[in-house]
Amino acid sequence: MPQITAEDLFSLSIPERIQLVEDIWDSIAIQPEKVELTSEIKYELDQRLEEYEQQPQEQSSWDEVRSRLWRKV
């Protein structure tokens, strides 16, 4: 497998880097059982889930967040 350097990544446009991050995240998300979480991260996720469940109308969907990010590019 060819080695990718930071210089290679910085030569990509911002939208290309965002797409790369999404692709990397998707490749991780298909194997959630292999992701090891610290107790601190588990606690934070539990807190965020509880906040969402208590006030779902106050939260943003991923589509809304992505849309806001793309408007800034």
PDB file of N, CA and C in Angstrom:
ATOM      1  N   MET A   1       0.845  -1.167   0.000  1.00  0.00           N
ATOM      2  CA  MET A   1       0.000   0.000   0.000  1.00  0.00           C
ATOM      3  C   MET A   1       0.900   1.243   0.000  1.00  0.00           C
ATOM      4  N   PRO A   2       0.612   2.201  -0.878  1.00  0.00           N
ATOM      5  CA  PRO A   2       1.453   3.404  -0.909  1.00  0.00           C
ATOM      6  C   PRO A   2       1.274   4.245   0.349  1.00  0.00           C
ATOM      7  N   GLN A   3       2.346   4.873   0.768  1.00  0.00           N
ATOM      8  CA  GLN A   3       2.311   5.735   1.957  1.00  0.00           C
ATOM      9  C   GLN A   3       1.755   7.101   1.576  1.00  0.00           C
ATOM     10  N   ILE A   4       0.812   7.589   2.389  1.00  0.00           N
ATOM     11  CA  ILE A   4       0.222   8.902   2.172  1.00  0.00           C
ATOM     12  C   ILE A   4       0.823   9.843   3.203  1.00  0.00           C
ATOM     13  N   THR A   5       1.302  10.984   2.733  1.00  0.00           N
ATOM     14  CA  THR A   5       1.929  11.945   3.634  1.00  0.00           C
ATOM     15  C   THR A   5       0.961  13.087   3.940  1.00  0.00           C
ATOM     16  N   ALA A   6       1.293  13.861   4.965  1.00  0.00           N
ATOM     17  CA  ALA A   6       0.500  15.049   5.298  1.00  0.00           C
ATOM     18  C   ALA A   6       0.497  16.010   4.121  1.00  0.00           C
ATOM     19  N   GLU A   7       1.604  16.095   3.428  1.00  0.00           N
ATOM     20  CA  GLU A   7       1.686  16.970   2.242  1.00  0.00           C
ATOM     21  C   GLU A   7       0.666  16.545   1.190  1.00  0.00           C
ATOM     22  N   ASP A   8       0.500  15.235   1.016  1.00  0.00           N
ATOM     23  CA  ASP A   8      -0.509  14.732   0.070  1.00  0.00           C
ATOM     24  C   ASP A   8      -1.898  15.204   0.479  1.00  0.00           C
ATOM     25  N   LEU A   9      -2.179  15.124   1.769  1.00  0.00           N
ATOM     26  CA  LEU A   9      -3.501  15.518   2.261  1.00  0.00           C
ATOM     27  C   LEU A   9      -3.738  17.009   2.087  1.00  0.00           C
ATOM     28  N   PHE A  10      -2.730  17.818   2.378  1.00  0.00           N
ATOM     29  CA  PHE A  10      -2.890  19.264   2.265  1.00  0.00           C
ATOM     30  C   PHE A  10      -2.985  19.733   0.814  1.00  0.00           C
ATOM     31  N   SER A  11      -2.619  18.876  -0.108  1.00  0.00           N
ATOM     32  CA  SER A  11      -2.770  19.246  -1.517  1.00  0.00           C
ATOM     33  C   SER A  11      -4.219  19.081  -1.985  1.00  0.00           C
ATOM     34  N   LEU A  12      -5.037  18.385  -1.188  1.00  0.00           N
ATOM     35  CA  LEU A  12      -6.454  18.225  -1.509  1.00  0.00           C
ATOM     36  C   LEU A  12      -7.215  19.504  -1.174  1.00  0.00           C
ATOM     37  N   SER A  13      -8.287  19.743  -1.894  1.00  0.00           N
ATOM     38  CA  SER A  13      -9.143  20.880  -1.567  1.00  0.00           C
ATOM     39  C   SER A  13      -9.879  20.581  -0.260  1.00  0.00           C
ATOM     40  N   ILE A  14     -10.435  21.608   0.345  1.00  0.00           N
ATOM     41  CA  ILE A  14     -11.190  21.421   1.595  1.00  0.00           C
ATOM     42  C   ILE A  14     -12.341  20.433   1.387  1.00  0.00           C
ATOM     43  N   PRO A  15     -13.167  20.596   0.334  1.00  0.00           N
ATOM     44  CA  PRO A  15     -14.242  19.608   0.136  1.00  0.00           C
ATOM     45  C   PRO A  15     -13.713  18.177  -0.038  1.00  0.00           C
ATOM     46  N   GLU A  16     -12.561  18.027  -0.697  1.00  0.00           N
ATOM     47  CA  GLU A  16     -11.986  16.691  -0.856  1.00  0.00           C
ATOM     48  C   GLU A  16     -11.521  16.129   0.485  1.00  0.00           C
ATOM     49  N   ARG A  17     -10.957  16.976   1.341  1.00  0.00           N
ATOM     50  CA  ARG A  17     -10.527  16.509   2.662  1.00  0.00           C
ATOM     51  C   ARG A  17     -11.730  16.149   3.529  1.00  0.00           C
ATOM     52  N   ILE A  18     -12.787  16.933   3.434  1.00  0.00           N
ATOM     53  CA  ILE A  18     -13.995  16.610   4.190  1.00  0.00           C
ATOM     54  C   ILE A  18     -14.541  15.264   3.732  1.00  0.00           C
ATOM     55  N   GLN A  19     -14.577  15.049   2.428  1.00  0.00           N
ATOM     56  CA  GLN A  19     -15.057  13.767   1.900  1.00  0.00           C
ATOM     57  C   GLN A  19     -14.174  12.623   2.376  1.00  0.00           C
ATOM     58  N   LEU A  20     -12.868  12.850   2.411  1.00  0.00           N
ATOM     59  CA  LEU A  20     -11.939  11.823   2.886  1.00  0.00           C
ATOM     60  C   LEU A  20     -12.222  11.471   4.343  1.00  0.00           C
ATOM     61  N   VAL A  21     -12.431  12.483   5.170  1.00  0.00           N
ATOM     62  CA  VAL A  21     -12.750  12.238   6.578  1.00  0.00           C
ATOM     63  C   VAL A  21     -14.047  11.446   6.702  1.00  0.00           C
ATOM     64  N   GLU A  22     -15.052  11.820   5.906  1.00  0.00           N
ATOM     65  CA  GLU A  22     -16.321  11.076   5.935  1.00  0.00           C
ATOM     66  C   GLU A  22     -16.099   9.624   5.527  1.00  0.00           C
ATOM     67  N   ASP A  23     -15.293   9.412   4.486  1.00  0.00           N
ATOM     68  CA  ASP A  23     -15.022   8.045   4.030  1.00  0.00           C
ATOM     69  C   ASP A  23     -14.283   7.242   5.097  1.00  0.00           C
ATOM     70  N   ILE A  24     -13.320   7.871   5.747  1.00  0.00           N
ATOM     71  CA  ILE A  24     -12.584   7.181   6.816  1.00  0.00           C
ATOM     72  C   ILE A  24     -13.535   6.832   7.956  1.00  0.00           C
ATOM     73  N   TRP A  25     -14.369   7.812   8.354  1.00  0.00           N
ATOM     74  CA  TRP A  25     -15.308   7.562   9.444  1.00  0.00           C
ATOM     75  C   TRP A  25     -16.260   6.424   9.071  1.00  0.00           C
ATOM     76  N   ASP A  26     -16.774   6.433   7.848  1.00  0.00           N
ATOM     77  CA  ASP A  26     -17.672   5.360   7.414  1.00  0.00           C
ATOM     78  C   ASP A  26     -16.982   3.997   7.483  1.00  0.00           C
ATOM     79  N   SER A  27     -15.692   3.958   7.147  1.00  0.00           N
ATOM     80  CA  SER A  27     -14.972   2.682   7.189  1.00  0.00           C
ATOM     81  C   SER A  27     -14.810   2.189   8.629  1.00  0.00           C
ATOM     82  N   ILE A  28     -14.754   3.106   9.576  1.00  0.00           N
ATOM     83  CA  ILE A  28     -14.672   2.741  10.994  1.00  0.00           C
ATOM     84  C   ILE A  28     -16.050   2.327  11.510  1.00  0.00           C
ATOM     85  N   ALA A  29     -17.058   3.062  11.100  1.00  0.00           N
ATOM     86  CA  ALA A  29     -18.412   2.839  11.608  1.00  0.00           C
ATOM     87  C   ALA A  29     -18.980   1.477  11.225  1.00  0.00           C
ATOM     88  N   ILE A  30     -18.482   0.877  10.161  1.00  0.00           N
ATOM     89  CA  ILE A  30     -19.014  -0.441   9.777  1.00  0.00           C
ATOM     90  C   ILE A  30     -18.487  -1.558  10.674  1.00  0.00           C
ATOM     91  N   GLN A  31     -17.510  -1.229  11.533  1.00  0.00           N
ATOM     92  CA  GLN A  31     -16.971  -2.213  12.473  1.00  0.00           C
ATOM     93  C   GLN A  31     -16.941  -1.625  13.888  1.00  0.00           C
ATOM     94  N   PRO A  32     -18.102  -1.227  14.416  1.00  0.00           N
ATOM     95  CA  PRO A  32     -18.105  -0.558  15.722  1.00  0.00           C
ATOM     96  C   PRO A  32     -17.564  -1.425  16.853  1.00  0.00           C
ATOM     97  N   GLU A  33     -17.636  -2.715  16.709  1.00  0.00           N
ATOM     98  CA  GLU A  33     -17.156  -3.598  17.772  1.00  0.00           C
ATOM     99  C   GLU A  33     -15.634  -3.523  17.929  1.00  0.00           C
ATOM    100  N   LYS A  34     -14.937  -2.997  16.944  1.00  0.00           N
ATOM    101  CA  LYS A  34     -13.479  -2.887  17.017  1.00  0.00           C
ATOM    102  C   LYS A  34     -13.018  -1.549  17.591  1.00  0.00           C
ATOM    103  N   VAL A  35     -13.952  -0.661  17.839  1.00  0.00           N
ATOM    104  CA  VAL A  35     -13.609   0.643  18.404  1.00  0.00           C
ATOM    105  C   VAL A  35     -13.592   0.523  19.925  1.00  0.00           C
ATOM    106  N   GLU A  36     -12.449   0.804  20.509  1.00  0.00           N
ATOM    107  CA  GLU A  36     -12.316   0.734  21.965  1.00  0.00           C
ATOM    108  C   GLU A  36     -12.537   2.125  22.548  1.00  0.00           C
ATOM    109  N   LEU A  37     -13.449   2.231  23.498  1.00  0.00           N
ATOM    110  CA  LEU A  37     -13.765   3.500  24.122  1.00  0.00           C
ATOM    111  C   LEU A  37     -13.260   3.524  25.556  1.00  0.00           C
ATOM    112  N   THR A  38     -12.701   4.653  25.945  1.00  0.00           N
ATOM    113  CA  THR A  38     -12.301   4.803  27.338  1.00  0.00           C
ATOM    114  C   THR A  38     -13.549   5.018  28.183  1.00  0.00           C
ATOM    115  N   SER A  39     -13.411   4.873  29.476  1.00  0.00           N
ATOM    116  CA  SER A  39     -14.557   5.107  30.362  1.00  0.00           C
ATOM    117  C   SER A  39     -15.002   6.562  30.291  1.00  0.00           C
ATOM    118  N   GLU A  40     -14.063   7.482  30.086  1.00  0.00           N
ATOM    119  CA  GLU A  40     -14.413   8.898  29.963  1.00  0.00           C
ATOM    120  C   GLU A  40     -15.253   9.153  28.716  1.00  0.00           C
ATOM    121  N   ILE A  41     -14.878   8.531  27.623  1.00  0.00           N
ATOM    122  CA  ILE A  41     -15.638   8.706  26.382  1.00  0.00           C
ATOM    123  C   ILE A  41     -17.018   8.071  26.512  1.00  0.00           C
ATOM    124  N   LYS A  42     -17.077   6.891  27.115  1.00  0.00           N
ATOM    125  CA  LYS A  42     -18.377   6.246  27.333  1.00  0.00           C
ATOM    126  C   LYS A  42     -19.284   7.140  28.166  1.00  0.00           C
ATOM    127  N   TYR A  43     -18.722   7.740  29.218  1.00  0.00           N
ATOM    128  CA  TYR A  43     -19.499   8.632  30.073  1.00  0.00           C
ATOM    129  C   TYR A  43     -20.016   9.825  29.261  1.00  0.00           C
ATOM    130  N   GLU A  44     -19.150  10.433  28.474  1.00  0.00           N
ATOM    131  CA  GLU A  44     -19.544  11.592  27.669  1.00  0.00           C
ATOM    132  C   GLU A  44     -20.641  11.216  26.677  1.00  0.00           C
ATOM    133  N   LEU A  45     -20.510  10.085  26.034  1.00  0.00           N
ATOM    134  CA  LEU A  45     -21.537   9.634  25.087  1.00  0.00           C
ATOM    135  C   LEU A  45     -22.868   9.387  25.788  1.00  0.00           C
ATOM    136  N   ASP A  46     -22.800   8.775  26.959  1.00  0.00           N
ATOM    137  CA  ASP A  46     -24.026   8.550  27.728  1.00  0.00           C
ATOM    138  C   ASP A  46     -24.695   9.872  28.098  1.00  0.00           C
ATOM    139  N   GLN A  47     -23.884  10.856  28.494  1.00  0.00           N
ATOM    140  CA  GLN A  47     -24.423  12.167  28.842  1.00  0.00           C
ATOM    141  C   GLN A  47     -25.084  12.835  27.631  1.00  0.00           C
ATOM    142  N   ARG A  48     -24.434  12.755  26.499  1.00  0.00           N
ATOM    143  CA  ARG A  48     -24.990  13.365  25.289  1.00  0.00           C
ATOM    144  C   ARG A  48     -26.272  12.662  24.844  1.00  0.00           C
ATOM    145  N   LEU A  49     -26.295  11.351  24.965  1.00  0.00           N
ATOM    146  CA  LEU A  49     -27.497  10.607  24.609  1.00  0.00           C
ATOM    147  C   LEU A  49     -28.647  10.984  25.536  1.00  0.00           C
ATOM    148  N   GLU A  50     -28.348  11.078  26.820  1.00  0.00           N
ATOM    149  CA  GLU A  50     -29.377  11.472  27.785  1.00  0.00           C
ATOM    150  C   GLU A  50     -29.912  12.873  27.473  1.00  0.00           C
ATOM    151  N   GLU A  51     -29.005  13.792  27.139  1.00  0.00           N
ATOM    152  CA  GLU A  51     -29.417  15.159  26.778  1.00  0.00           C
ATOM    153  C   GLU A  51     -30.314  15.139  25.542  1.00  0.00           C
ATOM    154  N   TYR A  52     -29.920  14.341  24.562  1.00  0.00           N
ATOM    155  CA  TYR A  52     -30.735  14.220  23.346  1.00  0.00           C
ATOM    156  C   TYR A  52     -32.121  13.664  23.673  1.00  0.00           C
ATOM    157  N   GLU A  53     -32.165  12.625  24.469  1.00  0.00           N
ATOM    158  CA  GLU A  53     -33.450  11.998  24.792  1.00  0.00           C
ATOM    159  C   GLU A  53     -34.356  12.935  25.583  1.00  0.00           C
ATOM    160  N   GLN A  54     -33.760  13.797  26.389  1.00  0.00           N
ATOM    161  CA  GLN A  54     -34.555  14.739  27.177  1.00  0.00           C
ATOM    162  C   GLN A  54     -35.044  15.921  26.348  1.00  0.00           C
ATOM    163  N   GLN A  55     -34.263  16.333  25.357  1.00  0.00           N
ATOM    164  CA  GLN A  55     -34.616  17.502  24.552  1.00  0.00           C
ATOM    165  C   GLN A  55     -34.273  17.281  23.079  1.00  0.00           C
ATOM    166  N   PRO A  56     -34.908  16.339  22.428  1.00  0.00           N
ATOM    167  CA  PRO A  56     -34.543  16.052  21.029  1.00  0.00           C
ATOM    168  C   PRO A  56     -34.756  17.237  20.096  1.00  0.00           C
ATOM    169  N   GLN A  57     -35.701  18.098  20.420  1.00  0.00           N
ATOM    170  CA  GLN A  57     -35.979  19.245  19.553  1.00  0.00           C
ATOM    171  C   GLN A  57     -34.829  20.259  19.584  1.00  0.00           C
ATOM    172  N   GLU A  58     -33.972  20.191  20.586  1.00  0.00           N
ATOM    173  CA  GLU A  58     -32.851  21.128  20.716  1.00  0.00           C
ATOM    174  C   GLU A  58     -31.599  20.657  19.977  1.00  0.00           C
ATOM    175  N   GLN A  59     -31.648  19.476  19.397  1.00  0.00           N
ATOM    176  CA  GLN A  59     -30.478  18.890  18.762  1.00  0.00           C
ATOM    177  C   GLN A  59     -30.549  19.052  17.243  1.00  0.00           C
ATOM    178  N   SER A  60     -29.394  18.944  16.595  1.00  0.00           N
ATOM    179  CA  SER A  60     -29.311  19.045  15.140  1.00  0.00           C
ATOM    180  C   SER A  60     -29.052  17.672  14.544  1.00  0.00           C
ATOM    181  N   SER A  61     -29.667  17.414  13.421  1.00  0.00           N
ATOM    182  CA  SER A  61     -29.385  16.166  12.701  1.00  0.00           C
ATOM    183  C   SER A  61     -28.036  16.300  11.997  1.00  0.00           C
ATOM    184  N   TRP A  62     -27.474  15.173  11.588  1.00  0.00           N
ATOM    185  CA  TRP A  62     -26.212  15.198  10.860  1.00  0.00           C
ATOM    186  C   TRP A  62     -26.374  16.002   9.569  1.00  0.00           C
ATOM    187  N   ASP A  63     -27.502  15.886   8.886  1.00  0.00           N
ATOM    188  CA  ASP A  63     -27.720  16.654   7.659  1.00  0.00           C
ATOM    189  C   ASP A  63     -27.676  18.153   7.925  1.00  0.00           C
ATOM    190  N   GLU A  64     -28.251  18.590   9.037  1.00  0.00           N
ATOM    191  CA  GLU A  64     -28.225  20.009   9.396  1.00  0.00           C
ATOM    192  C   GLU A  64     -26.798  20.478   9.710  1.00  0.00           C
ATOM    193  N   VAL A  65     -26.078  19.673  10.451  1.00  0.00           N
ATOM    194  CA  VAL A  65     -24.696  20.023  10.793  1.00  0.00           C
ATOM    195  C   VAL A  65     -23.852  20.094   9.535  1.00  0.00           C
ATOM    196  N   ARG A  66     -23.958  19.088   8.681  1.00  0.00           N
ATOM    197  CA  ARG A  66     -23.181  19.061   7.443  1.00  0.00           C
ATOM    198  C   ARG A  66     -23.518  20.271   6.581  1.00  0.00           C
ATOM    199  N   SER A  67     -24.787  20.603   6.476  1.00  0.00           N
ATOM    200  CA  SER A  67     -25.202  21.763   5.697  1.00  0.00           C
ATOM    201  C   SER A  67     -24.559  23.042   6.230  1.00  0.00           C
ATOM    202  N   ARG A  68     -24.535  23.203   7.540  1.00  0.00           N
ATOM    203  CA  ARG A  68     -23.907  24.387   8.133  1.00  0.00           C
ATOM    204  C   ARG A  68     -22.414  24.417   7.830  1.00  0.00           C
ATOM    205  N   LEU A  69     -21.776  23.260   7.909  1.00  0.00           N
ATOM    206  CA  LEU A  69     -20.340  23.197   7.609  1.00  0.00           C
ATOM    207  C   LEU A  69     -20.052  23.549   6.157  1.00  0.00           C
ATOM    208  N   TRP A  70     -20.849  23.023   5.246  1.00  0.00           N
ATOM    209  CA  TRP A  70     -20.628  23.298   3.825  1.00  0.00           C
ATOM    210  C   TRP A  70     -20.850  24.769   3.488  1.00  0.00           C
ATOM    211  N   ARG A  71     -21.750  25.440   4.201  1.00  0.00           N
ATOM    212  CA  ARG A  71     -21.970  26.865   3.956  1.00  0.00           C
ATOM    213  C   ARG A  71     -20.737  27.677   4.343  1.00  0.00           C
ATOM    214  N   LYS A  72     -19.936  27.168   5.265  1.00  0.00           N
ATOM    215  CA  LYS A  72     -18.736  27.879   5.718  1.00  0.00           C
ATOM    216  C   LYS A  72     -17.553  27.671   4.788  1.00  0.00           C
ATOM    217  N   VAL A  73     -17.636  26.685   3.913  1.00  0.00           N
ATOM    218  CA  VAL A  73     -16.510  26.375   3.018  1.00  0.00           C
ATOM    219  C   VAL A  73     -16.499  27.355   1.871  1.00  0.00           C
TER     220      VAL A  73
END
